[in-house]
Structure formats: C-alpha cells, structure tokens
PDB file of N, CA and C in Angstrom:
ATOM      1  N   MET A   1     115.655 234.405 -36.166  1.00  0.00           N
ATOM      2  CA  MET A   1     117.016 234.232 -35.704  1.00  0.00           C
ATOM      3  C   MET A   1     117.969 233.943 -36.845  1.00  0.00           C
ATOM      4  N   ALA A   2     117.481 233.771 -38.023  1.00  0.00           N
ATOM      5  CA  ALA A   2     118.347 233.418 -39.142  1.00  0.00           C
ATOM      6  C   ALA A   2     119.376 234.511 -39.430  1.00  0.00           C
ATOM      7  N   ASP A   3     119.070 235.750 -39.083  1.00  0.00           N
ATOM      8  CA  ASP A   3     119.989 236.854 -39.359  1.00  0.00           C
ATOM      9  C   ASP A   3     121.088 236.989 -38.313  1.00  0.00           C
ATOM     10  N   ASN A   4     120.910 236.354 -37.170  1.00  0.00           N
ATOM     11  CA  ASN A   4     121.885 236.476 -36.088  1.00  0.00           C
ATOM     12  C   ASN A   4     122.930 235.372 -36.187  1.00  0.00           C
ATOM     13  N   GLU A   5     124.158 235.728 -35.876  1.00  0.00           N
ATOM     14  CA  GLU A   5     125.238 234.745 -35.852  1.00  0.00           C
ATOM     15  C   GLU A   5     125.145 233.931 -34.562  1.00  0.00           C
ATOM     16  N   LEU A   6     125.222 232.621 -34.692  1.00  0.00           N
ATOM     17  CA  LEU A   6     125.179 231.761 -33.511  1.00  0.00           C
ATOM     18  C   LEU A   6     126.510 231.826 -32.775  1.00  0.00           C
ATOM     19  N   ILE A   7     126.441 231.741 -31.451  1.00  0.00           N
ATOM     20  CA  ILE A   7     127.650 231.741 -30.633  1.00  0.00           C
ATOM     21  C   ILE A   7     127.739 230.407 -29.905  1.00  0.00           C
ATOM     22  N   ASN A   8     128.934 230.077 -29.437  1.00  0.00           N
ATOM     23  CA  ASN A   8     129.081 228.839 -28.670  1.00  0.00           C
ATOM     24  C   ASN A   8     129.005 229.153 -27.170  1.00  0.00           C
ATOM     25  N   MET A   9     128.989 228.113 -26.359  1.00  0.00           N
ATOM     26  CA  MET A   9     128.841 228.290 -24.908  1.00  0.00           C
ATOM     27  C   MET A   9     129.984 229.081 -24.277  1.00  0.00           C
ATOM     28  N   SER A  10     131.204 228.933 -24.791  1.00  0.00           N
ATOM     29  CA  SER A  10     132.311 229.686 -24.200  1.00  0.00           C
ATOM     30  C   SER A  10     132.150 231.184 -24.447  1.00  0.00           C
ATOM     31  N   GLU A  11     131.572 231.556 -25.586  1.00  0.00           N
ATOM     32  CA  GLU A  11     131.308 232.979 -25.841  1.00  0.00           C
ATOM     33  C   GLU A  11     130.199 233.485 -24.919  1.00  0.00           C
ATOM     34  N   PHE A  12     129.152 232.680 -24.750  1.00  0.00           N
ATOM     35  CA  PHE A  12     128.064 233.062 -23.846  1.00  0.00           C
ATOM     36  C   PHE A  12     128.575 233.215 -22.413  1.00  0.00           C
ATOM     37  N   ALA A  13     129.479 232.326 -22.007  1.00  0.00           N
ATOM     38  CA  ALA A  13     130.008 232.343 -20.640  1.00  0.00           C
ATOM     39  C   ALA A  13     130.780 233.627 -20.343  1.00  0.00           C
ATOM     40  N   ARG A  14     131.226 234.329 -21.364  1.00  0.00           N
ATOM     41  CA  ARG A  14     131.937 235.598 -21.156  1.00  0.00           C
ATOM     42  C   ARG A  14     131.009 236.709 -20.670  1.00  0.00           C
ATOM     43  N   LEU A  15     129.709 236.564 -20.908  1.00  0.00           N
ATOM     44  CA  LEU A  15     128.749 237.577 -20.475  1.00  0.00           C
ATOM     45  C   LEU A  15     128.483 237.427 -18.985  1.00  0.00           C
ATOM     46  N   ASP A  16     128.677 238.504 -18.253  1.00  0.00           N
ATOM     47  CA  ASP A  16     128.418 238.506 -16.813  1.00  0.00           C
ATOM     48  C   ASP A  16     127.065 239.179 -16.588  1.00  0.00           C
ATOM     49  N   VAL A  17     126.009 238.374 -16.617  1.00  0.00           N
ATOM     50  CA  VAL A  17     124.655 238.880 -16.413  1.00  0.00           C
ATOM     51  C   VAL A  17     124.263 238.576 -14.974  1.00  0.00           C
ATOM     52  N   ARG A  18     123.891 239.629 -14.257  1.00  0.00           N
ATOM     53  CA  ARG A  18     123.530 239.508 -12.841  1.00  0.00           C
ATOM     54  C   ARG A  18     122.210 240.216 -12.581  1.00  0.00           C
ATOM     55  N   ILE A  19     121.585 239.835 -11.487  1.00  0.00           N
ATOM     56  CA  ILE A  19     120.384 240.544 -11.053  1.00  0.00           C
ATOM     57  C   ILE A  19     120.827 241.720 -10.181  1.00  0.00           C
ATOM     58  N   GLY A  20     120.347 242.882 -10.531  1.00  0.00           N
ATOM     59  CA  GLY A  20     120.624 244.075  -9.751  1.00  0.00           C
ATOM     60  C   GLY A  20     119.343 244.620  -9.134  1.00  0.00           C
ATOM     61  N   LYS A  21     119.484 245.289  -8.011  1.00  0.00           N
ATOM     62  CA  LYS A  21     118.341 245.928  -7.353  1.00  0.00           C
ATOM     63  C   LYS A  21     118.498 247.433  -7.473  1.00  0.00           C
ATOM     64  N   ILE A  22     117.531 248.080  -8.079  1.00  0.00           N
ATOM     65  CA  ILE A  22     117.587 249.529  -8.281  1.00  0.00           C
ATOM     66  C   ILE A  22     117.368 250.221  -6.936  1.00  0.00           C
ATOM     67  N   VAL A  23     118.363 251.027  -6.534  1.00  0.00           N
ATOM     68  CA  VAL A  23     118.279 251.711  -5.238  1.00  0.00           C
ATOM     69  C   VAL A  23     117.969 253.199  -5.380  1.00  0.00           C
ATOM     70  N   SER A  24     118.247 253.785  -6.550  1.00  0.00           N
ATOM     71  CA  SER A  24     117.845 255.166  -6.803  1.00  0.00           C
ATOM     72  C   SER A  24     117.716 255.366  -8.307  1.00  0.00           C
ATOM     73  N   ALA A  25     116.892 256.338  -8.670  1.00  0.00           N
ATOM     74  CA  ALA A  25     116.651 256.618 -10.084  1.00  0.00           C
ATOM     75  C   ALA A  25     116.275 258.083 -10.247  1.00  0.00           C
ATOM     76  N   GLU A  26     116.827 258.712 -11.293  1.00  0.00           N
ATOM     77  CA  GLU A  26     116.470 260.097 -11.587  1.00  0.00           C
ATOM     78  C   GLU A  26     116.618 260.358 -13.085  1.00  0.00           C
ATOM     79  N   ARG A  27     115.768 261.212 -13.582  1.00  0.00           N
ATOM     80  CA  ARG A  27     115.847 261.592 -14.998  1.00  0.00           C
ATOM     81  C   ARG A  27     117.146 262.354 -15.252  1.00  0.00           C
ATOM     82  N   ILE A  28     117.657 262.206 -16.446  1.00  0.00           N
ATOM     83  CA  ILE A  28     118.839 262.965 -16.846  1.00  0.00           C
ATOM     84  C   ILE A  28     118.362 264.239 -17.521  1.00  0.00           C
ATOM     85  N   GLU A  29     118.804 265.360 -16.983  1.00  0.00           N
ATOM     86  CA  GLU A  29     118.378 266.661 -17.479  1.00  0.00           C
ATOM     87  C   GLU A  29     118.665 266.792 -18.972  1.00  0.00           C
ATOM     88  N   GLY A  30     117.669 267.268 -19.705  1.00  0.00           N
ATOM     89  CA  GLY A  30     117.818 267.493 -21.141  1.00  0.00           C
ATOM     90  C   GLY A  30     117.541 266.267 -21.992  1.00  0.00           C
ATOM     91  N   SER A  31     117.131 265.161 -21.377  1.00  0.00           N
ATOM     92  CA  SER A  31     116.838 263.937 -22.129  1.00  0.00           C
ATOM     93  C   SER A  31     115.414 263.465 -21.822  1.00  0.00           C
ATOM     94  N   LYS A  32     114.693 263.081 -22.863  1.00  0.00           N
ATOM     95  CA  LYS A  32     113.344 262.540 -22.684  1.00  0.00           C
ATOM     96  C   LYS A  32     113.376 261.042 -22.401  1.00  0.00           C
ATOM     97  N   LYS A  33     114.475 260.379 -22.777  1.00  0.00           N
ATOM     98  CA  LYS A  33     114.527 258.923 -22.702  1.00  0.00           C
ATOM     99  C   LYS A  33     115.396 258.363 -21.581  1.00  0.00           C
ATOM    100  N   LEU A  34     116.370 259.114 -21.107  1.00  0.00           N
ATOM    101  CA  LEU A  34     117.383 258.547 -20.218  1.00  0.00           C
ATOM    102  C   LEU A  34     117.100 258.749 -18.730  1.00  0.00           C
ATOM    103  N   ILE A  35     117.368 257.688 -17.973  1.00  0.00           N
ATOM    104  CA  ILE A  35     117.292 257.715 -16.514  1.00  0.00           C
ATOM    105  C   ILE A  35     118.634 257.231 -15.972  1.00  0.00           C
ATOM    106  N   LYS A  36     119.150 257.944 -14.956  1.00  0.00           N
ATOM    107  CA  LYS A  36     120.354 257.506 -14.252  1.00  0.00           C
ATOM    108  C   LYS A  36     119.907 256.658 -13.071  1.00  0.00           C
ATOM    109  N   LEU A  37     120.506 255.466 -12.958  1.00  0.00           N
ATOM    110  CA  LEU A  37     120.142 254.520 -11.917  1.00  0.00           C
ATOM    111  C   LEU A  37     121.353 254.156 -11.076  1.00  0.00           C
ATOM    112  N   ASP A  38     121.162 253.983  -9.793  1.00  0.00           N
ATOM    113  CA  ASP A  38     122.149 253.337  -8.939  1.00  0.00           C
ATOM    114  C   ASP A  38     121.598 251.948  -8.677  1.00  0.00           C
ATOM    115  N   VAL A  39     122.413 250.927  -9.007  1.00  0.00           N
ATOM    116  CA  VAL A  39     121.951 249.542  -8.954  1.00  0.00           C
ATOM    117  C   VAL A  39     122.900 248.720  -8.077  1.00  0.00           C
ATOM    118  N   ASP A  40     122.333 248.088  -7.061  1.00  0.00           N
ATOM    119  CA  ASP A  40     123.084 247.182  -6.186  1.00  0.00           C
ATOM    120  C   ASP A  40     123.265 245.870  -6.943  1.00  0.00           C
ATOM    121  N   VAL A  41     124.521 245.492  -7.203  1.00  0.00           N
ATOM    122  CA  VAL A  41     124.811 244.235  -7.897  1.00  0.00           C
ATOM    123  C   VAL A  41     125.481 243.236  -6.956  1.00  0.00           C
ATOM    124  N   GLY A  42     125.225 243.362  -5.679  1.00  0.00           N
ATOM    125  CA  GLY A  42     125.726 242.417  -4.682  1.00  0.00           C
ATOM    126  C   GLY A  42     126.969 242.898  -3.982  1.00  0.00           C
ATOM    127  N   ASP A  43     128.076 242.982  -4.697  1.00  0.00           N
ATOM    128  CA  ASP A  43     129.340 243.367  -4.077  1.00  0.00           C
ATOM    129  C   ASP A  43     129.645 244.857  -4.218  1.00  0.00           C
ATOM    130  N   GLU A  44     128.817 245.572  -4.962  1.00  0.00           N
ATOM    131  CA  GLU A  44     129.005 247.011  -5.162  1.00  0.00           C
ATOM    132  C   GLU A  44     127.727 247.616  -5.716  1.00  0.00           C
ATOM    133  N   THR A  45     127.695 248.945  -5.757  1.00  0.00           N
ATOM    134  CA  THR A  45     126.600 249.667  -6.397  1.00  0.00           C
ATOM    135  C   THR A  45     127.154 250.292  -7.658  1.00  0.00           C
ATOM    136  N   ARG A  46     126.461 250.076  -8.755  1.00  0.00           N
ATOM    137  CA  ARG A  46     126.888 250.601 -10.051  1.00  0.00           C
ATOM    138  C   ARG A  46     125.939 251.697 -10.501  1.00  0.00           C
ATOM    139  N   GLN A  47     126.503 252.654 -11.235  1.00  0.00           N
ATOM    140  CA  GLN A  47     125.688 253.682 -11.883  1.00  0.00           C
ATOM    141  C   GLN A  47     125.427 253.227 -13.313  1.00  0.00           C
ATOM    142  N   LEU A  48     124.163 253.182 -13.701  1.00  0.00           N
ATOM    143  CA  LEU A  48     123.782 252.806 -15.056  1.00  0.00           C
ATOM    144  C   LEU A  48     122.913 253.903 -15.650  1.00  0.00           C
ATOM    145  N   VAL A  49     122.970 254.021 -16.943  1.00  0.00           N
ATOM    146  CA  VAL A  49     122.081 254.927 -17.667  1.00  0.00           C
ATOM    147  C   VAL A  49     121.233 254.054 -18.583  1.00  0.00           C
ATOM    148  N   ALA A  50     119.919 254.230 -18.510  1.00  0.00           N
ATOM    149  CA  ALA A  50     119.007 253.401 -19.296  1.00  0.00           C
ATOM    150  C   ALA A  50     118.009 254.271 -20.043  1.00  0.00           C
ATOM    151  N   GLY A  51     117.709 253.889 -21.273  1.00  0.00           N
ATOM    152  CA  GLY A  51     116.752 254.609 -22.107  1.00  0.00           C
ATOM    153  C   GLY A  51     115.330 254.137 -21.869  1.00  0.00           C
ATOM    154  N   ILE A  52     114.851 254.302 -20.652  1.00  0.00           N
ATOM    155  CA  ILE A  52     113.541 253.769 -20.265  1.00  0.00           C
ATOM    156  C   ILE A  52     112.587 254.832 -19.728  1.00  0.00           C
ATOM    157  N   ALA A  53     112.974 256.102 -19.797  1.00  0.00           N
ATOM    158  CA  ALA A  53     112.193 257.173 -19.155  1.00  0.00           C
ATOM    159  C   ALA A  53     110.826 257.394 -19.794  1.00  0.00           C
ATOM    160  N   GLU A  54     110.641 257.006 -21.046  1.00  0.00           N
ATOM    161  CA  GLU A  54     109.328 257.182 -21.673  1.00  0.00           C
ATOM    162  C   GLU A  54     108.328 256.118 -21.220  1.00  0.00           C
ATOM    163  N   GLU A  55     108.843 255.036 -20.632  1.00  0.00           N
ATOM    164  CA  GLU A  55     107.976 253.944 -20.186  1.00  0.00           C
ATOM    165  C   GLU A  55     107.866 253.846 -18.672  1.00  0.00           C
ATOM    166  N   TYR A  56     108.868 254.361 -17.947  1.00  0.00           N
ATOM    167  CA  TYR A  56     108.918 254.176 -16.487  1.00  0.00           C
ATOM    168  C   TYR A  56     109.239 255.495 -15.797  1.00  0.00           C
ATOM    169  N   ALA A  57     108.512 255.770 -14.725  1.00  0.00           N
ATOM    170  CA  ALA A  57     108.826 256.921 -13.874  1.00  0.00           C
ATOM    171  C   ALA A  57     109.931 256.497 -12.911  1.00  0.00           C
ATOM    172  N   PRO A  58     110.893 257.383 -12.640  1.00  0.00           N
ATOM    173  CA  PRO A  58     111.991 257.017 -11.746  1.00  0.00           C
ATOM    174  C   PRO A  58     111.526 256.440 -10.407  1.00  0.00           C
ATOM    175  N   GLU A  59     110.513 257.042  -9.795  1.00  0.00           N
ATOM    176  CA  GLU A  59     110.073 256.584  -8.476  1.00  0.00           C
ATOM    177  C   GLU A  59     109.477 255.170  -8.512  1.00  0.00           C
ATOM    178  N   ASP A  60     108.986 254.742  -9.674  1.00  0.00           N
ATOM    179  CA  ASP A  60     108.420 253.394  -9.802  1.00  0.00           C
ATOM    180  C   ASP A  60     109.494 252.315  -9.955  1.00  0.00           C
ATOM    181  N   LEU A  61     110.729 252.715 -10.174  1.00  0.00           N
ATOM    182  CA  LEU A  61     111.818 251.760 -10.396  1.00  0.00           C
ATOM    183  C   LEU A  61     112.522 251.332  -9.108  1.00  0.00           C
ATOM    184  N   ILE A  62     112.398 252.123  -8.053  1.00  0.00           N
ATOM    185  CA  ILE A  62     113.104 251.847  -6.807  1.00  0.00           C
ATOM    186  C   ILE A  62     112.681 250.475  -6.254  1.00  0.00           C
ATOM    187  N   GLY A  63     113.688 249.647  -5.960  1.00  0.00           N
ATOM    188  CA  GLY A  63     113.430 248.329  -5.405  1.00  0.00           C
ATOM    189  C   GLY A  63     113.233 247.224  -6.432  1.00  0.00           C
ATOM    190  N   LYS A  64     113.126 247.582  -7.708  1.00  0.00           N
ATOM    191  CA  LYS A  64     112.933 246.568  -8.753  1.00  0.00           C
ATOM    192  C   LYS A  64     114.205 245.754  -8.945  1.00  0.00           C
ATOM    193  N   LEU A  65     114.015 244.463  -9.188  1.00  0.00           N
ATOM    194  CA  LEU A  65     115.108 243.563  -9.546  1.00  0.00           C
ATOM    195  C   LEU A  65     115.139 243.435 -11.061  1.00  0.00           C
ATOM    196  N   VAL A  66     116.312 243.669 -11.647  1.00  0.00           N
ATOM    197  CA  VAL A  66     116.449 243.635 -13.108  1.00  0.00           C
ATOM    198  C   VAL A  66     117.761 242.959 -13.491  1.00  0.00           C
ATOM    199  N   PRO A  67     117.789 242.287 -14.650  1.00  0.00           N
ATOM    200  CA  PRO A  67     119.051 241.723 -15.111  1.00  0.00           C
ATOM    201  C   PRO A  67     119.923 242.805 -15.742  1.00  0.00           C
ATOM    202  N   ILE A  68     121.204 242.785 -15.412  1.00  0.00           N
ATOM    203  CA  ILE A  68     122.124 243.739 -16.024  1.00  0.00           C
ATOM    204  C   ILE A  68     123.333 243.001 -16.599  1.00  0.00           C
ATOM    205  N   LEU A  69     123.875 243.565 -17.649  1.00  0.00           N
ATOM    206  CA  LEU A  69     125.139 243.081 -18.196  1.00  0.00           C
ATOM    207  C   LEU A  69     126.224 243.833 -17.448  1.00  0.00           C
ATOM    208  N   ALA A  70     126.930 243.111 -16.572  1.00  0.00           N
ATOM    209  CA  ALA A  70     127.848 243.750 -15.640  1.00  0.00           C
ATOM    210  C   ALA A  70     129.252 243.937 -16.194  1.00  0.00           C
ATOM    211  N   ASN A  71     129.623 243.200 -17.228  1.00  0.00           N
ATOM    212  CA  ASN A  71     130.997 243.319 -17.728  1.00  0.00           C
ATOM    213  C   ASN A  71     131.074 244.042 -19.075  1.00  0.00           C
ATOM    214  N   LEU A  72     130.151 244.961 -19.286  1.00  0.00           N
ATOM    215  CA  LEU A  72     130.195 245.839 -20.450  1.00  0.00           C
ATOM    216  C   LEU A  72     131.129 247.004 -20.136  1.00  0.00           C
ATOM    217  N   LYS A  73     131.950 247.386 -21.102  1.00  0.00           N
ATOM    218  CA  LYS A  73     132.853 248.521 -20.878  1.00  0.00           C
ATOM    219  C   LYS A  73     132.029 249.771 -20.574  1.00  0.00           C
ATOM    220  N   PRO A  74     132.468 250.574 -19.606  1.00  0.00           N
ATOM    221  CA  PRO A  74     131.741 251.812 -19.288  1.00  0.00           C
ATOM    222  C   PRO A  74     131.639 252.718 -20.516  1.00  0.00           C
ATOM    223  N   ALA A  75     130.515 253.431 -20.585  1.00  0.00           N
ATOM    224  CA  ALA A  75     130.277 254.372 -21.679  1.00  0.00           C
ATOM    225  C   ALA A  75     129.597 255.607 -21.102  1.00  0.00           C
ATOM    226  N   LYS A  76     129.791 256.745 -21.762  1.00  0.00           N
ATOM    227  CA  LYS A  76     129.128 257.977 -21.329  1.00  0.00           C
ATOM    228  C   LYS A  76     127.940 258.254 -22.239  1.00  0.00           C
ATOM    229  N   LEU A  77     126.799 258.534 -21.602  1.00  0.00           N
ATOM    230  CA  LEU A  77     125.588 258.909 -22.317  1.00  0.00           C
ATOM    231  C   LEU A  77     125.147 260.255 -21.757  1.00  0.00           C
ATOM    232  N   ARG A  78     125.067 261.248 -22.598  1.00  0.00           N
ATOM    233  CA  ARG A  78     124.732 262.609 -22.149  1.00  0.00           C
ATOM    234  C   ARG A  78     125.647 263.076 -21.030  1.00  0.00           C
ATOM    235  N   GLY A  79     126.919 262.657 -21.109  1.00  0.00           N
ATOM    236  CA  GLY A  79     127.905 263.068 -20.129  1.00  0.00           C
ATOM    237  C   GLY A  79     127.885 262.303 -18.817  1.00  0.00           C
ATOM    238  N   VAL A  80     127.025 261.287 -18.709  1.00  0.00           N
ATOM    239  CA  VAL A  80     126.902 260.503 -17.485  1.00  0.00           C
ATOM    240  C   VAL A  80     127.437 259.095 -17.764  1.00  0.00           C
ATOM    241  N   GLU A  81     128.366 258.637 -16.900  1.00  0.00           N
ATOM    242  CA  GLU A  81     128.949 257.312 -17.116  1.00  0.00           C
ATOM    243  C   GLU A  81     127.957 256.206 -16.758  1.00  0.00           C
ATOM    244  N   SER A  82     127.889 255.207 -17.652  1.00  0.00           N
ATOM    245  CA  SER A  82     127.089 254.017 -17.408  1.00  0.00           C
ATOM    246  C   SER A  82     128.033 252.832 -17.263  1.00  0.00           C
ATOM    247  N   GLN A  83     127.906 252.119 -16.145  1.00  0.00           N
ATOM    248  CA  GLN A  83     128.809 251.013 -15.814  1.00  0.00           C
ATOM    249  C   GLN A  83     128.119 249.664 -15.992  1.00  0.00           C
ATOM    250  N   GLY A  84     127.421 249.499 -17.092  1.00  0.00           N
ATOM    251  CA  GLY A  84     126.692 248.274 -17.391  1.00  0.00           C
ATOM    252  C   GLY A  84     125.454 248.614 -18.185  1.00  0.00           C
ATOM    253  N   MET A  85     124.605 247.617 -18.408  1.00  0.00           N
ATOM    254  CA  MET A  85     123.391 247.835 -19.180  1.00  0.00           C
ATOM    255  C   MET A  85     122.265 246.964 -18.633  1.00  0.00           C
ATOM    256  N   ILE A  86     121.101 247.572 -18.464  1.00  0.00           N
ATOM    257  CA  ILE A  86     119.913 246.808 -18.091  1.00  0.00           C
ATOM    258  C   ILE A  86     119.437 246.053 -19.320  1.00  0.00           C
ATOM    259  N   LEU A  87     119.083 244.795 -19.135  1.00  0.00           N
ATOM    260  CA  LEU A  87     118.528 244.005 -20.230  1.00  0.00           C
ATOM    261  C   LEU A  87     117.011 244.130 -20.192  1.00  0.00           C
ATOM    262  N   ALA A  88     116.422 244.396 -21.348  1.00  0.00           N
ATOM    263  CA  ALA A  88     114.977 244.589 -21.443  1.00  0.00           C
ATOM    264  C   ALA A  88     114.486 243.980 -22.751  1.00  0.00           C
ATOM    265  N   VAL A  89     113.191 243.776 -22.822  1.00  0.00           N
ATOM    266  CA  VAL A  89     112.546 243.298 -24.032  1.00  0.00           C
ATOM    267  C   VAL A  89     112.177 244.507 -24.877  1.00  0.00           C
ATOM    268  N   ASP A  90     112.347 244.400 -26.186  1.00  0.00           N
ATOM    269  CA  ASP A  90     111.943 245.457 -27.117  1.00  0.00           C
ATOM    270  C   ASP A  90     110.592 245.060 -27.719  1.00  0.00           C
ATOM    271  N   VAL A  91     109.553 245.810 -27.360  1.00  0.00           N
ATOM    272  CA  VAL A  91     108.220 245.569 -27.900  1.00  0.00           C
ATOM    273  C   VAL A  91     107.811 246.800 -28.690  1.00  0.00           C
ATOM    274  N   ALA A  92     107.814 246.661 -29.996  1.00  0.00           N
ATOM    275  CA  ALA A  92     107.450 247.770 -30.885  1.00  0.00           C
ATOM    276  C   ALA A  92     108.293 249.009 -30.595  1.00  0.00           C
ATOM    277  N   GLY A  93     109.577 248.809 -30.320  1.00  0.00           N
ATOM    278  CA  GLY A  93     110.491 249.913 -30.069  1.00  0.00           C
ATOM    279  C   GLY A  93     110.468 250.465 -28.661  1.00  0.00           C
ATOM    280  N   LYS A  94     109.687 249.867 -27.781  1.00  0.00           N
ATOM    281  CA  LYS A  94     109.601 250.329 -26.390  1.00  0.00           C
ATOM    282  C   LYS A  94     110.230 249.293 -25.465  1.00  0.00           C
ATOM    283  N   PRO A  95     111.044 249.762 -24.501  1.00  0.00           N
ATOM    284  CA  PRO A  95     111.682 248.821 -23.575  1.00  0.00           C
ATOM    285  C   PRO A  95     110.713 248.352 -22.485  1.00  0.00           C
ATOM    286  N   ILE A  96     110.695 247.040 -22.265  1.00  0.00           N
ATOM    287  CA  ILE A  96     109.904 246.455 -21.187  1.00  0.00           C
ATOM    288  C   ILE A  96     110.888 245.695 -20.287  1.00  0.00           C
ATOM    289  N   LEU A  97     110.936 246.075 -19.018  1.00  0.00           N
ATOM    290  CA  LEU A  97     111.893 245.465 -18.093  1.00  0.00           C
ATOM    291  C   LEU A  97     111.541 244.022 -17.779  1.00  0.00           C
ATOM    292  N   LEU A  98     112.585 243.231 -17.557  1.00  0.00           N
ATOM    293  CA  LEU A  98     112.456 241.836 -17.136  1.00  0.00           C
ATOM    294  C   LEU A  98     112.674 241.764 -15.630  1.00  0.00           C
ATOM    295  N   HIS A  99     112.012 240.803 -14.977  1.00  0.00           N
ATOM    296  CA  HIS A  99     112.160 240.631 -13.532  1.00  0.00           C
ATOM    297  C   HIS A  99     112.159 239.144 -13.199  1.00  0.00           C
ATOM    298  N   PRO A 100     112.943 238.717 -12.201  1.00  0.00           N
ATOM    299  CA  PRO A 100     112.823 237.331 -11.741  1.00  0.00           C
ATOM    300  C   PRO A 100     111.431 237.117 -11.138  1.00  0.00           C
ATOM    301  N   ASP A 101     110.899 235.911 -11.260  1.00  0.00           N
ATOM    302  CA  ASP A 101     109.551 235.681 -10.730  1.00  0.00           C
ATOM    303  C   ASP A 101     109.532 235.382  -9.235  1.00  0.00           C
ATOM    304  N   LYS A 102     110.731 235.296  -8.626  1.00  0.00           N
ATOM    305  CA  LYS A 102     110.845 235.154  -7.172  1.00  0.00           C
ATOM    306  C   LYS A 102     111.917 236.116  -6.694  1.00  0.00           C
ATOM    307  N   GLU A 103     111.867 236.444  -5.408  1.00  0.00           N
ATOM    308  CA  GLU A 103     112.884 237.324  -4.808  1.00  0.00           C
ATOM    309  C   GLU A 103     114.231 236.599  -4.821  1.00  0.00           C
ATOM    310  N   VAL A 104     115.250 237.256  -5.343  1.00  0.00           N
ATOM    311  CA  VAL A 104     116.609 236.701  -5.357  1.00  0.00           C
ATOM    312  C   VAL A 104     117.561 237.771  -4.852  1.00  0.00           C
ATOM    313  N   PRO A 105     118.712 237.376  -4.312  1.00  0.00           N
ATOM    314  CA  PRO A 105     119.658 238.382  -3.816  1.00  0.00           C
ATOM    315  C   PRO A 105     120.271 239.196  -4.959  1.00  0.00           C
ATOM    316  N   ALA A 106     120.499 240.478  -4.698  1.00  0.00           N
ATOM    317  CA  ALA A 106     121.226 241.310  -5.660  1.00  0.00           C
ATOM    318  C   ALA A 106     122.584 240.676  -5.906  1.00  0.00           C
ATOM    319  N   GLY A 107     122.997 240.653  -7.159  1.00  0.00           N
ATOM    320  CA  GLY A 107     124.279 240.059  -7.523  1.00  0.00           C
ATOM    321  C   GLY A 107     124.171 238.632  -8.018  1.00  0.00           C
ATOM    322  N   SER A 108     122.981 238.019  -7.902  1.00  0.00           N
ATOM    323  CA  SER A 108     122.808 236.645  -8.374  1.00  0.00           C
ATOM    324  C   SER A 108     123.116 236.570  -9.865  1.00  0.00           C
ATOM    325  N   ARG A 109     123.883 235.553 -10.256  1.00  0.00           N
ATOM    326  CA  ARG A 109     124.259 235.369 -11.663  1.00  0.00           C
ATOM    327  C   ARG A 109     123.111 234.753 -12.448  1.00  0.00           C
ATOM    328  N   VAL A 110     122.934 235.228 -13.665  1.00  0.00           N
ATOM    329  CA  VAL A 110     121.960 234.661 -14.594  1.00  0.00           C
ATOM    330  C   VAL A 110     122.708 233.679 -15.474  1.00  0.00           C
ATOM    331  N   ARG A 111     122.199 232.476 -15.571  1.00  0.00           N
ATOM    332  CA  ARG A 111     122.864 231.429 -16.366  1.00  0.00           C
ATOM    333  C   ARG A 111     121.920 230.877 -17.399  1.00  0.00           C
TER     334      ARG A 111
END
C-alpha cells in the first residue's frame, strides 16, 4: 500500500458502492473479455459492461449479488454504455467476483 495515496473518510464517502443483483448477462460480440450485464441496484436497473468473460459464463452470473460502483460516470466499451463498474478482486490478472456472505436486498449500500 505504500505506493497508493491515502484518502480521508470524506473522500471515501463520495463512493456510492451498492450491492446489485445480476438479472441478465450476454457476451459482447467481437470481444473475448466483455460481458454486458443488466444489474438491479434497488431503485433501477443499470447496464454495466464488465471484463469478466474469460472467467465467467453469462448464464452462471444470473442472480449473483455483486458490489458495484454506482456513481461512476458512464463510459462506452466496444460501443456499449456502462453505467457503473463491478468491483472484483484481481488475482494474477484475472477478475474474481465478490459476494455478500448473506442474502441482502439489491441496492444495499456498502460501507
């Protein structure tokens, strides 16, 4: 952690991290890594693009609870808009999804 700049609590509080429930998933044509996801974040469903296709099949993602960064500015990846970002662990360059250890409602805030 010595290379990372430390932040204070007010900066951390700006991050809107919520638990989302994946309701649909499909590979993005022409990409080996990208999957388009529809994620229920409680008050709405968001479209996200995640670079997890080499580790996860789309059909295995349906119903999974995952943390997402909900207040990230939208970005286009391969022409598909992503309205947030799934948070995952990087293990040797491969994404590993995080999950709550108990069932929680979609939209629950991570603190």
